[in-house]
């Protein structure tokens, strides 16, 4: 049985992230957020509903 080239590539493929393939010549994006904006983002993330809490809430609502 002959394996197609596509199937062979899919079998050998590894999962790579952007940092794994980022070239050395990549120019970093300059920082654009001021301190107040960064603090606002952190505050919103901290107040956000956690995934577990959301799932539990949805399950409770579905059971009602």
C-alpha atoms as a PDB file:
ATOM      1  CA  UNK A   1       0.000   0.000   0.000  1.00  0.00           C
ATOM      2  CA  UNK A   2       1.407   3.361  -1.016  1.00  0.00           C
ATOM      3  CA  UNK A   3       1.108   6.377   1.311  1.00  0.00           C
ATOM      4  CA  UNK A   4       0.322   9.673  -0.368  1.00  0.00           C
ATOM      5  CA  UNK A   5       2.717  12.571   0.113  1.00  0.00           C
ATOM      6  CA  UNK A   6      -0.025  14.595   1.832  1.00  0.00           C
ATOM      7  CA  UNK A   7      -0.801  11.844   4.318  1.00  0.00           C
ATOM      8  CA  UNK A   8       2.895  11.436   5.033  1.00  0.00           C
ATOM      9  CA  UNK A   9       3.304  15.181   5.688  1.00  0.00           C
ATOM     10  CA  UNK A  10       0.266  15.192   7.989  1.00  0.00           C
ATOM     11  CA  UNK A  11       1.645  12.247   9.918  1.00  0.00           C
ATOM     12  CA  UNK A  12       5.033  13.912  10.420  1.00  0.00           C
ATOM     13  CA  UNK A  13       3.604  17.378  11.150  1.00  0.00           C
ATOM     14  CA  UNK A  14       4.304  18.847  14.535  1.00  0.00           C
ATOM     15  CA  UNK A  15       2.318  21.612  16.138  1.00  0.00           C
ATOM     16  CA  UNK A  16       4.297  24.826  16.003  1.00  0.00           C
ATOM     17  CA  UNK A  17       3.405  28.161  17.507  1.00  0.00           C
ATOM     18  CA  UNK A  18       4.360  31.591  16.223  1.00  0.00           C
ATOM     19  CA  UNK A  19       7.318  31.754  18.575  1.00  0.00           C
ATOM     20  CA  UNK A  20       8.651  28.498  17.134  1.00  0.00           C
ATOM     21  CA  UNK A  21       8.850  29.911  13.624  1.00  0.00           C
ATOM     22  CA  UNK A  22       9.541  33.588  14.329  1.00  0.00           C
ATOM     23  CA  UNK A  23      12.550  34.645  12.265  1.00  0.00           C
ATOM     24  CA  UNK A  24      15.505  36.328  13.953  1.00  0.00           C
ATOM     25  CA  UNK A  25      14.961  39.370  11.748  1.00  0.00           C
ATOM     26  CA  UNK A  26      11.413  39.967  13.020  1.00  0.00           C
ATOM     27  CA  UNK A  27      10.954  43.556  14.194  1.00  0.00           C
ATOM     28  CA  UNK A  28       9.224  43.743  17.546  1.00  0.00           C
ATOM     29  CA  UNK A  29       6.030  45.766  17.683  1.00  0.00           C
ATOM     30  CA  UNK A  30       6.609  48.918  19.691  1.00  0.00           C
ATOM     31  CA  UNK A  31       4.743  49.387  22.971  1.00  0.00           C
ATOM     32  CA  UNK A  32       1.704  51.600  22.436  1.00  0.00           C
ATOM     33  CA  UNK A  33      -0.280  51.346  25.671  1.00  0.00           C
ATOM     34  CA  UNK A  34       0.201  53.780  28.484  1.00  0.00           C
ATOM     35  CA  UNK A  35       0.269  52.670  32.123  1.00  0.00           C
ATOM     36  CA  UNK A  36      -3.375  53.593  32.755  1.00  0.00           C
ATOM     37  CA  UNK A  37      -4.536  51.484  29.790  1.00  0.00           C
ATOM     38  CA  UNK A  38      -2.490  48.506  30.957  1.00  0.00           C
ATOM     39  CA  UNK A  39      -3.973  48.781  34.460  1.00  0.00           C
ATOM     40  CA  UNK A  40      -7.470  48.961  32.977  1.00  0.00           C
ATOM     41  CA  UNK A  41      -6.869  45.775  30.991  1.00  0.00           C
ATOM     42  CA  UNK A  42      -5.540  43.939  34.043  1.00  0.00           C
ATOM     43  CA  UNK A  43      -8.524  45.091  36.075  1.00  0.00           C
ATOM     44  CA  UNK A  44     -10.981  43.833  33.439  1.00  0.00           C
ATOM     45  CA  UNK A  45      -9.234  40.461  33.230  1.00  0.00           C
ATOM     46  CA  UNK A  46      -9.331  40.080  37.000  1.00  0.00           C
ATOM     47  CA  UNK A  47     -13.076  40.898  37.100  1.00  0.00           C
ATOM     48  CA  UNK A  48     -13.950  38.607  34.197  1.00  0.00           C
ATOM     49  CA  UNK A  49     -15.978  35.482  34.888  1.00  0.00           C
ATOM     50  CA  UNK A  50     -13.730  32.433  35.006  1.00  0.00           C
ATOM     51  CA  UNK A  51     -14.481  29.670  32.496  1.00  0.00           C
ATOM     52  CA  UNK A  52     -15.314  27.196  35.256  1.00  0.00           C
ATOM     53  CA  UNK A  53     -17.779  29.639  36.843  1.00  0.00           C
ATOM     54  CA  UNK A  54     -19.422  30.289  33.476  1.00  0.00           C
ATOM     55  CA  UNK A  55     -19.737  26.574  32.693  1.00  0.00           C
ATOM     56  CA  UNK A  56     -21.254  25.885  36.108  1.00  0.00           C
ATOM     57  CA  UNK A  57     -23.703  28.757  35.652  1.00  0.00           C
ATOM     58  CA  UNK A  58     -24.732  27.512  32.193  1.00  0.00           C
ATOM     59  CA  UNK A  59     -25.186  23.975  33.506  1.00  0.00           C
ATOM     60  CA  UNK A  60     -27.328  25.250  36.385  1.00  0.00           C
ATOM     61  CA  UNK A  61     -29.425  27.342  33.980  1.00  0.00           C
ATOM     62  CA  UNK A  62     -29.883  24.376  31.642  1.00  0.00           C
ATOM     63  CA  UNK A  63     -31.039  22.207  34.531  1.00  0.00           C
ATOM     64  CA  UNK A  64     -33.683  24.747  35.624  1.00  0.00           C
END
